[in-house]
C-alpha cells in the first residue's frame, strides 16, 4: 500500500466525511483489493484492465457506500433493535439538546416511533432555558415553553436529565457558565 503525498482540500474533506461515517478509504488500496471489494459488494465496474481501473473501482465503491441500505431492521428481535437505538442515541448523550424534535428514526413508522421515542427521551439531556429576570422571577423561555408544552405527557415522564440555563434577555444568548443546575433522575 502506497500513500499519496499530496491531497486536495476536497479529497481531504471527502475522506474525513467517509471516516466519520466509518467507511473505508479506498485510495490506499491496491487495484486487486478494490476488485475484491467490488465483487463482494456485487458492484458492477468497468474492466480491470482499463487505464483508469483503480479510479473507476473507487468511484463505484463510493457510490455503493452512498447508496447502501439496511431494510431488515424490523426483522431483528425487539431486544436487538433497542440495543441499536441506545447505541445510536449514545452520541446525543454528550451534548445537551436544545429545541429537540423527534429523531429521524421516529418518523419512519409508528412502530419505530413507539420503540425509539422512550429511549430518546430517557437517554438525552434536555436544555431548559429561563429568561434573565427583569423582576424577581425568571420565566421559561418561549422556545422551552413551546417544546415542553407540546410534548406528550408519556414522553415528558421519561425525561431523566434536564440542564437549566438562564438566557440573556438582551441578545437571547447563553453560555456554559450560565448553567444553573443539571438535574438527573435518581440524583436529586
N, C-alpha and C. Protein backbone atom coordinates (compact mmCIF):
# COMPACT_ATOMS: atom_id res chain seq x y z
N UNK A 1 0.85 -1.17 0.00
CA UNK A 1 0.00 0.00 0.00
C UNK A 1 0.90 1.23 0.00
N UNK A 2 0.64 2.14 -0.91
CA UNK A 2 1.43 3.36 -1.04
C UNK A 2 0.52 4.56 -0.81
N UNK A 3 0.92 5.46 0.07
CA UNK A 3 0.12 6.65 0.35
C UNK A 3 0.55 7.79 -0.54
N UNK A 4 -0.43 8.55 -1.02
CA UNK A 4 -0.12 9.73 -1.82
C UNK A 4 0.42 10.83 -0.92
N UNK A 5 1.37 11.58 -1.46
CA UNK A 5 1.96 12.65 -0.65
C UNK A 5 1.16 13.94 -0.75
N UNK A 6 0.36 14.11 -1.80
CA UNK A 6 -0.43 15.33 -1.96
C UNK A 6 -1.90 14.96 -2.08
N UNK A 7 -2.71 15.78 -1.44
CA UNK A 7 -4.15 15.56 -1.49
C UNK A 7 -4.83 16.92 -1.52
N UNK A 8 -5.89 17.04 -2.31
CA UNK A 8 -6.59 18.32 -2.41
C UNK A 8 -7.50 18.50 -1.19
N UNK A 9 -7.92 19.73 -1.00
CA UNK A 9 -8.82 20.04 0.11
C UNK A 9 -10.13 19.27 0.00
N UNK A 10 -10.68 19.19 -1.21
CA UNK A 10 -11.95 18.47 -1.38
C UNK A 10 -11.77 16.97 -1.14
N UNK A 11 -10.62 16.41 -1.55
CA UNK A 11 -10.36 14.99 -1.27
C UNK A 11 -10.21 14.76 0.23
N UNK A 12 -9.54 15.68 0.90
CA UNK A 12 -9.37 15.57 2.34
C UNK A 12 -10.72 15.67 3.05
N UNK A 13 -11.56 16.58 2.60
CA UNK A 13 -12.90 16.73 3.18
C UNK A 13 -13.71 15.45 2.97
N UNK A 14 -13.63 14.90 1.75
CA UNK A 14 -14.36 13.66 1.44
C UNK A 14 -13.87 12.52 2.33
N UNK A 15 -12.56 12.41 2.48
CA UNK A 15 -12.01 11.34 3.32
C UNK A 15 -12.44 11.51 4.78
N UNK A 16 -12.47 12.73 5.24
CA UNK A 16 -12.90 12.99 6.61
C UNK A 16 -14.36 12.60 6.80
N UNK A 17 -15.21 12.94 5.84
CA UNK A 17 -16.63 12.56 5.92
C UNK A 17 -16.78 11.04 5.90
N UNK A 18 -15.99 10.39 5.06
CA UNK A 18 -16.05 8.92 4.98
C UNK A 18 -15.58 8.32 6.31
N UNK A 19 -14.53 8.89 6.88
CA UNK A 19 -14.03 8.41 8.16
C UNK A 19 -15.10 8.56 9.24
N UNK A 20 -15.76 9.73 9.27
CA UNK A 20 -16.82 9.97 10.25
C UNK A 20 -17.95 8.97 10.11
N UNK A 21 -18.19 8.51 8.89
CA UNK A 21 -19.26 7.53 8.65
C UNK A 21 -18.78 6.10 8.85
N UNK A 22 -17.50 5.92 9.18
CA UNK A 22 -16.96 4.58 9.41
C UNK A 22 -16.69 3.82 8.12
N UNK A 23 -16.46 4.54 7.02
CA UNK A 23 -16.24 3.90 5.73
C UNK A 23 -14.75 3.78 5.42
N UNK A 24 -14.42 2.86 4.54
CA UNK A 24 -13.03 2.66 4.14
C UNK A 24 -12.52 3.81 3.28
N UNK A 25 -11.20 4.00 3.33
CA UNK A 25 -10.53 4.92 2.42
C UNK A 25 -9.94 4.05 1.32
N UNK A 26 -10.64 3.95 0.21
CA UNK A 26 -10.24 3.05 -0.85
C UNK A 26 -8.98 3.50 -1.58
N UNK A 27 -8.64 4.77 -1.48
CA UNK A 27 -7.49 5.30 -2.20
C UNK A 27 -6.20 4.62 -1.76
N UNK A 28 -6.16 4.07 -0.57
CA UNK A 28 -4.96 3.41 -0.06
C UNK A 28 -4.91 1.93 -0.41
N UNK A 29 -5.90 1.44 -1.14
CA UNK A 29 -5.97 0.03 -1.50
C UNK A 29 -5.40 -0.20 -2.90
N UNK A 30 -4.92 -1.41 -3.13
CA UNK A 30 -4.43 -1.77 -4.46
C UNK A 30 -5.61 -2.10 -5.36
N UNK A 31 -5.36 -2.14 -6.66
CA UNK A 31 -6.43 -2.46 -7.62
C UNK A 31 -7.01 -3.85 -7.36
N UNK A 32 -6.18 -4.89 -7.09
CA UNK A 32 -6.77 -6.20 -6.78
C UNK A 32 -7.65 -6.18 -5.52
N UNK A 33 -7.23 -5.42 -4.50
CA UNK A 33 -8.06 -5.31 -3.30
C UNK A 33 -9.39 -4.65 -3.62
N UNK A 34 -9.33 -3.59 -4.43
CA UNK A 34 -10.56 -2.90 -4.83
C UNK A 34 -11.47 -3.82 -5.62
N UNK A 35 -10.88 -4.62 -6.50
CA UNK A 35 -11.67 -5.58 -7.30
C UNK A 35 -12.37 -6.58 -6.38
N UNK A 36 -11.66 -7.04 -5.35
CA UNK A 36 -12.27 -7.97 -4.39
C UNK A 36 -13.45 -7.32 -3.66
N UNK A 37 -13.26 -6.06 -3.23
CA UNK A 37 -14.36 -5.35 -2.57
C UNK A 37 -15.56 -5.24 -3.51
N UNK A 38 -15.29 -4.91 -4.77
CA UNK A 38 -16.37 -4.74 -5.75
C UNK A 38 -17.12 -6.05 -5.95
N UNK A 39 -16.40 -7.16 -6.02
CA UNK A 39 -17.04 -8.47 -6.18
C UNK A 39 -17.87 -8.79 -4.94
N UNK A 40 -17.32 -8.56 -3.75
CA UNK A 40 -18.04 -8.84 -2.51
C UNK A 40 -19.32 -8.02 -2.39
N UNK A 41 -19.31 -6.83 -2.94
CA UNK A 41 -20.46 -5.93 -2.84
C UNK A 41 -21.38 -6.03 -4.05
N UNK A 42 -21.08 -6.94 -4.97
CA UNK A 42 -21.86 -7.09 -6.21
C UNK A 42 -21.94 -5.77 -6.97
N UNK A 43 -20.82 -5.05 -7.00
CA UNK A 43 -20.76 -3.76 -7.67
C UNK A 43 -20.25 -3.96 -9.08
N UNK A 44 -20.98 -3.43 -10.04
CA UNK A 44 -20.59 -3.53 -11.44
C UNK A 44 -19.58 -2.43 -11.74
N UNK A 45 -18.43 -2.83 -12.27
CA UNK A 45 -17.40 -1.86 -12.63
C UNK A 45 -16.87 -2.18 -14.01
N UNK A 46 -16.28 -1.18 -14.68
CA UNK A 46 -15.67 -1.43 -15.98
C UNK A 46 -14.52 -2.42 -15.83
N UNK A 47 -14.04 -2.95 -16.92
CA UNK A 47 -12.96 -3.94 -16.91
C UNK A 47 -11.76 -3.49 -16.11
N UNK A 48 -11.11 -4.43 -15.46
CA UNK A 48 -9.97 -4.10 -14.60
C UNK A 48 -8.70 -3.83 -15.38
N UNK A 49 -8.72 -4.04 -16.69
CA UNK A 49 -7.53 -3.80 -17.49
C UNK A 49 -7.46 -2.38 -18.02
N UNK A 50 -8.51 -1.61 -17.83
CA UNK A 50 -8.50 -0.26 -18.38
C UNK A 50 -7.50 0.61 -17.63
N UNK A 51 -7.10 1.69 -18.28
CA UNK A 51 -6.10 2.60 -17.74
C UNK A 51 -6.57 3.23 -16.42
N UNK A 52 -7.86 3.49 -16.31
CA UNK A 52 -8.43 4.14 -15.13
C UNK A 52 -9.14 3.16 -14.21
N UNK A 53 -8.70 1.91 -14.19
CA UNK A 53 -9.40 0.87 -13.43
C UNK A 53 -9.53 1.23 -11.95
N UNK A 54 -8.44 1.69 -11.34
CA UNK A 54 -8.48 2.00 -9.92
C UNK A 54 -9.46 3.12 -9.64
N UNK A 55 -9.40 4.18 -10.43
CA UNK A 55 -10.33 5.31 -10.23
C UNK A 55 -11.77 4.86 -10.42
N UNK A 56 -12.03 4.02 -11.44
CA UNK A 56 -13.39 3.53 -11.69
C UNK A 56 -13.89 2.65 -10.53
N UNK A 57 -13.00 1.80 -10.02
CA UNK A 57 -13.38 0.95 -8.89
C UNK A 57 -13.69 1.80 -7.65
N UNK A 58 -12.86 2.79 -7.40
CA UNK A 58 -13.08 3.66 -6.24
C UNK A 58 -14.41 4.39 -6.38
N UNK A 59 -14.69 4.93 -7.57
CA UNK A 59 -15.96 5.63 -7.78
C UNK A 59 -17.14 4.69 -7.57
N UNK A 60 -17.03 3.47 -8.10
CA UNK A 60 -18.13 2.50 -7.95
C UNK A 60 -18.33 2.13 -6.48
N UNK A 61 -17.24 1.95 -5.75
CA UNK A 61 -17.35 1.60 -4.33
C UNK A 61 -17.88 2.77 -3.50
N UNK A 62 -17.46 3.99 -3.84
CA UNK A 62 -18.02 5.17 -3.16
C UNK A 62 -19.53 5.25 -3.39
N UNK A 63 -19.93 5.02 -4.63
CA UNK A 63 -21.37 5.07 -4.95
C UNK A 63 -22.11 3.96 -4.19
N UNK A 64 -21.52 2.78 -4.12
CA UNK A 64 -22.15 1.69 -3.37
C UNK A 64 -22.27 2.05 -1.89
N UNK A 65 -21.24 2.70 -1.34
CA UNK A 65 -21.29 3.14 0.06
C UNK A 65 -22.40 4.16 0.27
N UNK A 66 -22.51 5.11 -0.66
CA UNK A 66 -23.51 6.17 -0.53
C UNK A 66 -24.93 5.65 -0.69
N UNK A 67 -25.09 4.55 -1.41
CA UNK A 67 -26.43 4.02 -1.68
C UNK A 67 -26.78 2.80 -0.83
N UNK A 68 -25.92 2.47 0.12
CA UNK A 68 -26.19 1.27 0.92
C UNK A 68 -27.41 1.48 1.81
N UNK A 69 -28.16 0.44 1.97
CA UNK A 69 -29.36 0.49 2.81
C UNK A 69 -29.40 -0.76 3.68
N UNK A 70 -30.15 -0.66 4.73
CA UNK A 70 -30.41 -1.82 5.57
C UNK A 70 -31.91 -1.82 5.81
N UNK A 71 -32.59 -2.66 5.08
CA UNK A 71 -34.05 -2.67 5.13
C UNK A 71 -34.60 -3.78 6.03
N UNK A 72 -33.75 -4.38 6.82
CA UNK A 72 -34.19 -5.51 7.64
C UNK A 72 -34.21 -5.18 9.13
N UNK A 73 -34.22 -3.90 9.47
CA UNK A 73 -34.22 -3.51 10.88
C UNK A 73 -35.40 -4.13 11.62
N UNK A 74 -36.56 -4.06 11.02
CA UNK A 74 -37.76 -4.58 11.70
C UNK A 74 -37.80 -6.11 11.75
N UNK A 75 -36.90 -6.75 10.99
CA UNK A 75 -36.80 -8.21 11.06
C UNK A 75 -36.01 -8.67 12.29
N UNK A 76 -35.26 -7.75 12.88
CA UNK A 76 -34.47 -8.08 14.06
C UNK A 76 -35.38 -8.20 15.28
N UNK A 77 -34.97 -8.98 16.28
CA UNK A 77 -35.76 -9.07 17.51
C UNK A 77 -35.82 -7.70 18.20
N UNK A 78 -36.91 -7.39 18.88
CA UNK A 78 -37.04 -6.09 19.55
C UNK A 78 -35.88 -5.76 20.49
N UNK A 79 -35.35 -6.76 21.19
CA UNK A 79 -34.24 -6.51 22.12
C UNK A 79 -33.01 -6.01 21.37
N UNK A 80 -32.76 -6.54 20.19
CA UNK A 80 -31.61 -6.11 19.39
C UNK A 80 -31.86 -4.70 18.86
N UNK A 81 -33.08 -4.42 18.44
CA UNK A 81 -33.40 -3.06 17.96
C UNK A 81 -33.19 -2.04 19.07
N UNK A 82 -33.61 -2.37 20.29
CA UNK A 82 -33.41 -1.45 21.42
C UNK A 82 -31.92 -1.19 21.62
N UNK A 83 -31.11 -2.22 21.53
CA UNK A 83 -29.66 -2.06 21.65
C UNK A 83 -29.13 -1.11 20.57
N UNK A 84 -29.63 -1.24 19.35
CA UNK A 84 -29.22 -0.36 18.24
C UNK A 84 -29.63 1.07 18.54
N UNK A 85 -30.85 1.28 19.01
CA UNK A 85 -31.32 2.63 19.32
C UNK A 85 -30.46 3.26 20.42
N UNK A 86 -30.14 2.48 21.45
CA UNK A 86 -29.31 3.00 22.54
C UNK A 86 -27.93 3.39 22.03
N UNK A 87 -27.38 2.58 21.15
CA UNK A 87 -26.07 2.89 20.55
C UNK A 87 -26.17 4.17 19.73
N UNK A 88 -27.24 4.30 18.96
CA UNK A 88 -27.45 5.49 18.13
C UNK A 88 -27.56 6.75 18.99
N UNK A 89 -28.29 6.69 20.09
CA UNK A 89 -28.50 7.86 20.93
C UNK A 89 -27.34 8.14 21.88
N UNK A 90 -26.39 7.23 22.00
CA UNK A 90 -25.24 7.45 22.89
C UNK A 90 -24.49 8.72 22.51
N UNK A 91 -24.41 9.05 21.22
CA UNK A 91 -23.75 10.29 20.79
C UNK A 91 -24.54 11.52 21.21
N UNK A 92 -25.84 11.40 21.32
CA UNK A 92 -26.68 12.52 21.72
C UNK A 92 -26.46 12.84 23.19
N UNK A 93 -26.05 11.85 23.95
CA UNK A 93 -25.92 11.98 25.40
C UNK A 93 -24.87 13.00 25.79
N UNK A 94 -23.81 13.12 25.01
CA UNK A 94 -22.69 14.00 25.36
C UNK A 94 -23.05 15.48 25.25
N UNK A 95 -24.09 15.79 24.51
CA UNK A 95 -24.44 17.18 24.26
C UNK A 95 -25.86 17.45 24.74
N UNK A 96 -26.07 18.61 25.34
CA UNK A 96 -27.42 18.97 25.77
C UNK A 96 -28.24 19.34 24.55
N UNK A 97 -29.46 18.87 24.51
CA UNK A 97 -30.31 19.10 23.35
C UNK A 97 -31.20 20.31 23.59
N UNK A 98 -31.09 21.27 22.70
CA UNK A 98 -31.89 22.49 22.77
C UNK A 98 -32.90 22.44 21.64
N UNK A 99 -34.13 22.75 21.91
CA UNK A 99 -35.21 22.73 20.91
C UNK A 99 -35.26 21.38 20.19
N UNK A 100 -35.36 20.30 20.94
CA UNK A 100 -35.35 18.99 20.30
C UNK A 100 -36.59 18.72 19.47
N UNK A 101 -36.40 17.90 18.49
CA UNK A 101 -37.51 17.35 17.71
C UNK A 101 -37.36 15.84 17.79
N UNK A 102 -38.33 15.15 17.28
CA UNK A 102 -38.20 13.70 17.28
C UNK A 102 -37.00 13.31 16.42
N UNK A 103 -36.29 12.27 16.82
CA UNK A 103 -35.18 11.80 15.99
C UNK A 103 -35.74 11.26 14.67
N UNK A 104 -34.98 11.34 13.59
CA UNK A 104 -35.47 10.88 12.28
C UNK A 104 -36.01 9.46 12.29
N UNK A 105 -35.42 8.58 13.09
CA UNK A 105 -35.93 7.20 13.16
C UNK A 105 -37.39 7.16 13.60
N UNK A 106 -37.80 8.10 14.43
CA UNK A 106 -39.17 8.10 14.94
C UNK A 106 -40.18 8.46 13.87
N UNK A 107 -39.72 9.05 12.77
CA UNK A 107 -40.63 9.44 11.70
C UNK A 107 -40.81 8.38 10.63
N UNK A 108 -40.13 7.25 10.78
CA UNK A 108 -40.19 6.19 9.77
C UNK A 108 -41.51 5.44 9.83
N UNK A 109 -41.93 5.07 11.02
CA UNK A 109 -43.19 4.33 11.16
C UNK A 109 -43.68 4.47 12.60
N UNK A 110 -44.93 4.10 12.81
CA UNK A 110 -45.48 4.16 14.16
C UNK A 110 -44.76 3.20 15.10
N UNK A 111 -44.40 2.03 14.58
CA UNK A 111 -43.69 1.06 15.41
C UNK A 111 -42.34 1.61 15.86
N UNK A 112 -41.59 2.19 14.92
CA UNK A 112 -40.29 2.76 15.29
C UNK A 112 -40.46 3.93 16.26
N UNK A 113 -41.48 4.76 16.02
CA UNK A 113 -41.71 5.87 16.95
C UNK A 113 -41.99 5.34 18.35
N UNK A 114 -42.80 4.30 18.43
CA UNK A 114 -43.14 3.71 19.73
C UNK A 114 -41.90 3.15 20.42
N UNK A 115 -40.97 2.58 19.65
CA UNK A 115 -39.76 2.00 20.22
C UNK A 115 -38.68 3.04 20.51
N UNK A 116 -38.54 4.02 19.62
CA UNK A 116 -37.43 4.96 19.67
C UNK A 116 -37.67 6.11 20.66
N UNK A 117 -38.86 6.67 20.66
CA UNK A 117 -39.12 7.87 21.47
C UNK A 117 -38.82 7.67 22.96
N UNK A 118 -39.26 6.59 23.58
CA UNK A 118 -38.95 6.42 25.01
C UNK A 118 -37.44 6.38 25.29
N UNK A 119 -36.69 5.75 24.41
CA UNK A 119 -35.24 5.66 24.60
C UNK A 119 -34.61 7.04 24.42
N UNK A 120 -35.05 7.75 23.39
CA UNK A 120 -34.53 9.10 23.11
C UNK A 120 -34.74 10.01 24.32
N UNK A 121 -35.96 10.07 24.83
CA UNK A 121 -36.26 10.97 25.94
C UNK A 121 -35.60 10.54 27.25
N UNK A 122 -35.37 9.26 27.43
CA UNK A 122 -34.74 8.81 28.68
C UNK A 122 -33.22 8.92 28.65
N UNK A 123 -32.61 8.92 27.47
CA UNK A 123 -31.14 8.95 27.40
C UNK A 123 -30.55 10.34 27.24
N UNK A 124 -31.28 11.26 26.68
CA UNK A 124 -30.73 12.57 26.34
C UNK A 124 -30.91 13.58 27.47
N UNK A 125 -30.03 14.56 27.50
CA UNK A 125 -30.16 15.68 28.44
C UNK A 125 -30.76 16.85 27.70
N UNK A 126 -31.84 17.38 28.21
CA UNK A 126 -32.55 18.47 27.54
C UNK A 126 -32.26 19.78 28.25
N UNK A 127 -32.03 20.80 27.46
CA UNK A 127 -31.75 22.13 27.97
C UNK A 127 -33.06 22.87 28.20
N UNK A 128 -33.22 23.38 29.40
CA UNK A 128 -34.37 24.21 29.74
C UNK A 128 -33.84 25.62 29.91
N UNK A 129 -34.35 26.53 29.10
CA UNK A 129 -33.86 27.91 29.15
C UNK A 129 -34.85 28.78 29.90
N UNK A 130 -34.30 29.58 30.80
CA UNK A 130 -35.08 30.59 31.51
C UNK A 130 -34.58 31.95 31.03
N UNK A 131 -35.49 32.91 30.94
CA UNK A 131 -35.06 34.26 30.56
C UNK A 131 -34.50 34.95 31.79
N UNK A 132 -33.52 35.79 31.56
CA UNK A 132 -32.91 36.54 32.66
C UNK A 132 -33.99 37.36 33.33
N UNK A 133 -33.97 37.40 34.63
CA UNK A 133 -35.05 38.08 35.34
C UNK A 133 -35.04 39.59 35.12
N UNK A 134 -36.21 40.11 34.77
CA UNK A 134 -36.36 41.56 34.70
C UNK A 134 -36.96 42.05 36.01
N UNK A 135 -37.50 41.10 36.74
CA UNK A 135 -38.00 41.40 38.08
C UNK A 135 -37.37 40.37 39.02
N UNK A 136 -38.11 39.92 39.99
CA UNK A 136 -37.57 38.94 40.94
C UNK A 136 -37.63 37.51 40.43
N UNK A 137 -38.36 37.28 39.34
CA UNK A 137 -38.61 35.91 38.90
C UNK A 137 -38.09 35.67 37.49
N UNK A 138 -37.55 34.48 37.29
CA UNK A 138 -37.19 34.03 35.94
C UNK A 138 -38.43 33.42 35.31
N UNK A 139 -38.47 33.45 33.99
CA UNK A 139 -39.58 32.81 33.28
C UNK A 139 -39.02 31.80 32.29
N UNK A 140 -39.84 30.83 31.98
CA UNK A 140 -39.46 29.85 30.98
C UNK A 140 -39.33 30.55 29.64
N UNK A 141 -38.22 30.32 28.96
CA UNK A 141 -38.01 30.91 27.64
C UNK A 141 -39.09 30.38 26.69
N UNK A 142 -39.60 31.21 25.76
CA UNK A 142 -40.68 30.77 24.86
C UNK A 142 -40.37 29.47 24.11
N UNK A 143 -39.13 29.29 23.67
CA UNK A 143 -38.79 28.05 22.94
C UNK A 143 -38.91 26.83 23.84
N UNK A 144 -38.40 26.95 25.06
CA UNK A 144 -38.51 25.84 26.00
C UNK A 144 -39.97 25.58 26.36
N UNK A 145 -40.73 26.66 26.57
CA UNK A 145 -42.15 26.52 26.89
C UNK A 145 -42.89 25.81 25.76
N UNK A 146 -42.56 26.17 24.52
CA UNK A 146 -43.22 25.54 23.38
C UNK A 146 -42.90 24.05 23.34
N UNK A 147 -41.61 23.71 23.47
CA UNK A 147 -41.23 22.30 23.41
C UNK A 147 -41.91 21.49 24.50
N UNK A 148 -41.77 21.92 25.74
CA UNK A 148 -42.34 21.14 26.83
C UNK A 148 -43.86 21.18 26.84
N UNK A 149 -44.44 22.24 26.29
CA UNK A 149 -45.89 22.34 26.19
C UNK A 149 -46.49 21.43 25.14
N UNK A 150 -45.71 21.08 24.12
CA UNK A 150 -46.22 20.22 23.05
C UNK A 150 -45.81 18.76 23.22
N UNK A 151 -44.99 18.49 24.21
CA UNK A 151 -44.52 17.13 24.42
C UNK A 151 -45.62 16.27 25.04
N UNK A 152 -45.77 15.07 24.53
CA UNK A 152 -46.76 14.15 25.07
C UNK A 152 -46.41 13.84 26.53
N UNK A 153 -47.41 13.79 27.42
CA UNK A 153 -47.12 13.50 28.83
C UNK A 153 -46.34 12.21 29.04
N UNK A 154 -46.61 11.19 28.24
CA UNK A 154 -45.89 9.92 28.39
C UNK A 154 -44.40 10.10 28.13
N UNK A 155 -44.04 10.98 27.19
CA UNK A 155 -42.64 11.23 26.89
C UNK A 155 -42.02 12.16 27.92
N UNK A 156 -42.80 13.11 28.39
CA UNK A 156 -42.33 14.04 29.42
C UNK A 156 -41.92 13.27 30.68
N UNK A 157 -42.69 12.23 31.01
CA UNK A 157 -42.38 11.40 32.18
C UNK A 157 -41.05 10.67 32.02
N UNK A 158 -40.65 10.42 30.80
CA UNK A 158 -39.44 9.63 30.56
C UNK A 158 -38.15 10.44 30.64
N UNK A 159 -38.26 11.76 30.60
CA UNK A 159 -37.06 12.59 30.65
C UNK A 159 -36.38 12.40 32.01
N UNK A 160 -35.10 12.04 31.95
CA UNK A 160 -34.35 11.76 33.17
C UNK A 160 -33.29 12.81 33.46
N UNK A 161 -33.01 13.68 32.48
CA UNK A 161 -31.92 14.64 32.68
C UNK A 161 -32.28 15.98 32.07
N UNK A 162 -32.25 17.01 32.89
CA UNK A 162 -32.50 18.39 32.45
C UNK A 162 -31.31 19.25 32.85
N UNK A 163 -30.99 20.20 32.02
CA UNK A 163 -29.95 21.17 32.34
C UNK A 163 -30.60 22.54 32.24
N UNK A 164 -30.60 23.28 33.32
CA UNK A 164 -31.31 24.56 33.36
C UNK A 164 -30.31 25.70 33.18
N UNK A 165 -30.62 26.57 32.22
CA UNK A 165 -29.78 27.72 31.89
C UNK A 165 -30.59 29.00 32.02
N UNK A 166 -29.88 30.10 32.21
CA UNK A 166 -30.52 31.42 32.10
C UNK A 166 -30.01 32.04 30.81
N UNK A 167 -30.94 32.50 29.99
CA UNK A 167 -30.57 33.15 28.73
C UNK A 167 -30.53 34.65 28.94
N UNK A 168 -29.63 35.28 28.24
CA UNK A 168 -29.50 36.73 28.28
C UNK A 168 -30.67 37.33 27.50
N UNK A 169 -31.50 38.10 28.15
CA UNK A 169 -32.68 38.67 27.50
C UNK A 169 -32.31 39.66 26.41
N UNK A 170 -31.16 40.31 26.52
CA UNK A 170 -30.77 41.33 25.54
C UNK A 170 -30.49 40.73 24.17
N UNK A 171 -29.70 39.65 24.11
CA UNK A 171 -29.36 39.09 22.80
C UNK A 171 -29.75 37.62 22.65
N UNK A 172 -30.51 37.09 23.58
CA UNK A 172 -31.04 35.73 23.52
C UNK A 172 -29.92 34.68 23.46
N UNK A 173 -28.78 34.97 24.06
CA UNK A 173 -27.67 34.02 24.05
C UNK A 173 -27.53 33.39 25.43
N UNK A 174 -26.75 32.33 25.49
CA UNK A 174 -26.42 31.73 26.77
C UNK A 174 -25.05 31.08 26.63
N UNK A 175 -24.40 30.90 27.73
CA UNK A 175 -23.06 30.35 27.74
C UNK A 175 -22.99 29.24 28.78
N UNK A 176 -21.99 28.42 28.68
CA UNK A 176 -21.83 27.29 29.59
C UNK A 176 -21.87 27.75 31.05
N UNK A 177 -21.24 28.88 31.31
CA UNK A 177 -21.20 29.35 32.70
C UNK A 177 -22.54 29.88 33.18
N UNK A 178 -23.51 30.02 32.28
CA UNK A 178 -24.85 30.45 32.67
C UNK A 178 -25.69 29.27 33.19
N UNK A 179 -25.11 28.08 33.15
CA UNK A 179 -25.84 26.91 33.62
C UNK A 179 -26.08 27.04 35.12
N UNK A 180 -27.32 26.86 35.49
CA UNK A 180 -27.67 26.94 36.91
C UNK A 180 -27.47 25.59 37.57
N UNK A 181 -28.10 24.58 36.98
CA UNK A 181 -28.06 23.26 37.60
C UNK A 181 -28.37 22.20 36.54
N UNK A 182 -27.84 21.01 36.76
CA UNK A 182 -28.21 19.87 35.93
C UNK A 182 -28.91 18.88 36.85
N UNK A 183 -30.12 18.52 36.48
CA UNK A 183 -30.93 17.60 37.28
C UNK A 183 -30.98 16.25 36.59
N UNK A 184 -30.72 15.21 37.35
CA UNK A 184 -30.81 13.86 36.80
C UNK A 184 -31.62 13.01 37.75
N UNK A 185 -32.55 12.26 37.17
CA UNK A 185 -33.41 11.41 37.98
C UNK A 185 -32.55 10.43 38.78
N UNK A 186 -32.86 10.31 40.04
CA UNK A 186 -32.09 9.42 40.90
C UNK A 186 -30.93 10.12 41.59
N UNK A 187 -30.62 11.36 41.17
CA UNK A 187 -29.50 12.10 41.77
C UNK A 187 -29.98 13.41 42.37
N UNK A 188 -31.27 13.55 42.58
CA UNK A 188 -31.81 14.81 43.11
C UNK A 188 -31.70 14.87 44.61
